Structure formats: structure tokens, C-alpha cells
Amino acid sequence: MAPLPGAELVQTPLQLYRYLLRCCRQLPTKGIQEHYKHAVRQSFQVHSDEDNSERIQQIIKRAIEDADWIMNKVSACLALALEWECCNLLGHQGALA
């Protein structure tokens, strides 16, 4: 899964915050969404006093990479769970055996 549209336009901490909250809305369950929303809020608060523009850009780049990794991981886990459920419903061992 590629980053959400607009990732390349994120330049400020507020834009990053909004982008990451949009990513959270793409996650499959309310529990997972709330977990990552909480993590985004905490991280935003921890770094809110950062004033070095180079460091801010590093944080933005890394946060987008991390969000992309999480989205890919969740997508892969869901695909695996779906394959497992389909195999169970069909009574096949499939590739998971």
C-alpha cells in the first residue's frame, strides 16, 4: 500500500498531524485506529517545541515512512487473515498449512 495521496505535500507539523490522522482512519478497526491516533497525538505533543527546520523535516519524513510501514503491515495481516478464513470456510489447507 502506497502512502496516502498528499504525503509529498506535507511540510509542516500541523500538515503531518492531519495526514497521520487520515492514515489512522484507513485502519481496519476502531481499536487499532484509536491506538495509533493516541500515538500520533503523543508524538505531536513531544515534538511540539522543536524549532529546527531541518530536524522538523527529518521527523516528517520518518513519520510518513513509519505510517507507510504500518499501513503495509496491517494490509498484509488482513490479507493473511482473509486467506486463512477463506481456507477454513472452504475446508482447504491451502498455502497456510
C-alpha atoms as a PDB file:
ATOM      1  CA  MET A   1       0.000   0.000   0.000  1.00  0.00           C
ATOM      2  CA  ALA A   2       1.452   3.357  -1.027  1.00  0.00           C
ATOM      3  CA  PRO A   3       1.319   6.413   1.200  1.00  0.00           C
ATOM      4  CA  LEU A   4      -1.965   8.287   1.091  1.00  0.00           C
ATOM      5  CA  PRO A   5      -2.246  10.971  -1.586  1.00  0.00           C
ATOM      6  CA  GLY A   6      -0.699  14.205  -0.432  1.00  0.00           C
ATOM      7  CA  ALA A   7       2.206  12.699   1.521  1.00  0.00           C
ATOM      8  CA  GLU A   8       4.664  14.547  -0.687  1.00  0.00           C
ATOM      9  CA  LEU A   9       2.969  17.869   0.165  1.00  0.00           C
ATOM     10  CA  VAL A  10       3.424  17.572   3.935  1.00  0.00           C
ATOM     11  CA  GLN A  11       5.792  20.344   5.004  1.00  0.00           C
ATOM     12  CA  THR A  12       4.653  21.481   8.461  1.00  0.00           C
ATOM     13  CA  PRO A  13       3.962  19.685  11.741  1.00  0.00           C
ATOM     14  CA  LEU A  14       0.248  20.534  11.505  1.00  0.00           C
ATOM     15  CA  GLN A  15       0.057  19.095   7.980  1.00  0.00           C
ATOM     16  CA  LEU A  16       1.819  15.979   9.243  1.00  0.00           C
ATOM     17  CA  TYR A  17      -0.627  15.662  12.128  1.00  0.00           C
ATOM     18  CA  ARG A  18      -3.607  15.862   9.778  1.00  0.00           C
ATOM     19  CA  TYR A  19      -2.012  13.439   7.325  1.00  0.00           C
ATOM     20  CA  LEU A  20      -1.341  10.878  10.066  1.00  0.00           C
ATOM     21  CA  LEU A  21      -4.910  11.162  11.371  1.00  0.00           C
ATOM     22  CA  ARG A  22      -6.146  10.477   7.818  1.00  0.00           C
ATOM     23  CA  CYS A  23      -3.915   7.388   7.783  1.00  0.00           C
ATOM     24  CA  CYS A  24      -5.453   6.268  11.081  1.00  0.00           C
ATOM     25  CA  ARG A  25      -8.939   6.428   9.545  1.00  0.00           C
ATOM     26  CA  GLN A  26      -7.800   3.888   6.926  1.00  0.00           C
ATOM     27  CA  LEU A  27      -7.004   1.264   9.568  1.00  0.00           C
ATOM     28  CA  PRO A  28      -9.475  -1.606   9.832  1.00  0.00           C
ATOM     29  CA  THR A  29     -10.835  -1.500  13.395  1.00  0.00           C
ATOM     30  CA  LYS A  30     -11.771   1.214  15.870  1.00  0.00           C
ATOM     31  CA  GLY A  31      -9.338  -0.221  18.409  1.00  0.00           C
ATOM     32  CA  ILE A  32      -6.383  -0.023  16.030  1.00  0.00           C
ATOM     33  CA  GLN A  33      -7.461   3.431  14.863  1.00  0.00           C
ATOM     34  CA  GLU A  34      -7.665   4.757  18.435  1.00  0.00           C
ATOM     35  CA  HIS A  35      -4.308   3.215  19.358  1.00  0.00           C
ATOM     36  CA  TYR A  36      -2.493   4.972  16.528  1.00  0.00           C
ATOM     37  CA  LYS A  37      -4.434   8.245  16.973  1.00  0.00           C
ATOM     38  CA  HIS A  38      -3.232   8.290  20.575  1.00  0.00           C
ATOM     39  CA  ALA A  39       0.352   7.607  19.443  1.00  0.00           C
ATOM     40  CA  VAL A  40       0.145  10.427  16.858  1.00  0.00           C
ATOM     41  CA  ARG A  41      -1.156  12.882  19.471  1.00  0.00           C
ATOM     42  CA  GLN A  42       1.576  11.947  21.939  1.00  0.00           C
ATOM     43  CA  SER A  43       4.314  12.255  19.342  1.00  0.00           C
ATOM     44  CA  PHE A  44       2.958  15.608  18.196  1.00  0.00           C
ATOM     45  CA  GLN A  45       3.000  16.893  21.785  1.00  0.00           C
ATOM     46  CA  VAL A  46       6.507  15.572  22.459  1.00  0.00           C
ATOM     47  CA  HIS A  47       7.922  17.324  19.393  1.00  0.00           C
ATOM     48  CA  SER A  48       5.798  20.494  19.599  1.00  0.00           C
ATOM     49  CA  ASP A  49       8.692  22.603  20.890  1.00  0.00           C
ATOM     50  CA  GLU A  50      11.033  21.625  18.041  1.00  0.00           C
ATOM     51  CA  ASP A  51      12.144  24.741  16.162  1.00  0.00           C
ATOM     52  CA  ASN A  52      14.996  23.416  13.999  1.00  0.00           C
ATOM     53  CA  SER A  53      13.536  23.280  10.468  1.00  0.00           C
ATOM     54  CA  GLU A  54      15.973  20.571   9.344  1.00  0.00           C
ATOM     55  CA  ARG A  55      15.003  18.386  12.302  1.00  0.00           C
ATOM     56  CA  ILE A  56      11.300  19.015  11.628  1.00  0.00           C
ATOM     57  CA  GLN A  57      11.757  17.810   8.041  1.00  0.00           C
ATOM     58  CA  GLN A  58      13.565  14.680   9.321  1.00  0.00           C
ATOM     59  CA  ILE A  59      10.688  13.985  11.710  1.00  0.00           C
ATOM     60  CA  ILE A  60       8.117  14.475   8.939  1.00  0.00           C
ATOM     61  CA  LYS A  61       9.999  12.165   6.556  1.00  0.00           C
ATOM     62  CA  ARG A  62      10.386   9.452   9.188  1.00  0.00           C
ATOM     63  CA  ALA A  63       6.765   9.722  10.362  1.00  0.00           C
ATOM     64  CA  ILE A  64       5.473   9.270   6.803  1.00  0.00           C
ATOM     65  CA  GLU A  65       7.792   6.269   6.292  1.00  0.00           C
ATOM     66  CA  ASP A  66       6.574   4.762   9.586  1.00  0.00           C
ATOM     67  CA  ALA A  67       2.925   5.341   8.667  1.00  0.00           C
ATOM     68  CA  ASP A  68       3.518   3.674   5.298  1.00  0.00           C
ATOM     69  CA  TRP A  69       5.143   0.684   7.042  1.00  0.00           C
ATOM     70  CA  ILE A  70       2.206   0.345   9.447  1.00  0.00           C
ATOM     71  CA  MET A  71      -0.350   0.569   6.632  1.00  0.00           C
ATOM     72  CA  ASN A  72       1.529  -2.117   4.669  1.00  0.00           C
ATOM     73  CA  LYS A  73       1.836  -4.338   7.742  1.00  0.00           C
ATOM     74  CA  VAL A  74      -1.864  -4.069   8.551  1.00  0.00           C
ATOM     75  CA  SER A  75      -2.787  -4.745   4.909  1.00  0.00           C
ATOM     76  CA  ALA A  76      -0.572  -7.848   4.833  1.00  0.00           C
ATOM     77  CA  CYS A  77      -2.029  -9.128   8.115  1.00  0.00           C
ATOM     78  CA  LEU A  78      -5.565  -8.589   6.863  1.00  0.00           C
ATOM     79  CA  ALA A  79      -4.807 -10.392   3.607  1.00  0.00           C
ATOM     80  CA  LEU A  80      -3.347 -13.308   5.548  1.00  0.00           C
ATOM     81  CA  ALA A  81      -6.332 -13.407   7.905  1.00  0.00           C
ATOM     82  CA  LEU A  82      -8.719 -13.311   4.951  1.00  0.00           C
ATOM     83  CA  GLU A  83      -6.856 -16.132   3.209  1.00  0.00           C
ATOM     84  CA  TRP A  84      -6.929 -18.161   6.427  1.00  0.00           C
ATOM     85  CA  GLU A  85     -10.665 -17.556   6.881  1.00  0.00           C
ATOM     86  CA  CYS A  86     -11.409 -18.462   3.244  1.00  0.00           C
ATOM     87  CA  CYS A  87      -9.390 -21.668   3.563  1.00  0.00           C
ATOM     88  CA  ASN A  88     -11.263 -22.595   6.731  1.00  0.00           C
ATOM     89  CA  LEU A  89     -14.639 -21.874   5.139  1.00  0.00           C
ATOM     90  CA  LEU A  90     -13.782 -23.958   2.099  1.00  0.00           C
ATOM     91  CA  GLY A  91     -12.260 -26.761   4.158  1.00  0.00           C
ATOM     92  CA  HIS A  92      -8.885 -26.460   2.424  1.00  0.00           C
ATOM     93  CA  GLN A  93      -5.463 -26.483   3.957  1.00  0.00           C
ATOM     94  CA  GLY A  94      -4.213 -24.149   1.228  1.00  0.00           C
ATOM     95  CA  ALA A  95      -0.856 -22.449   1.363  1.00  0.00           C
ATOM     96  CA  LEU A  96      -1.136 -21.858   5.092  1.00  0.00           C
ATOM     97  CA  ALA A  97      -0.792 -25.484   6.146  1.00  0.00           C
END
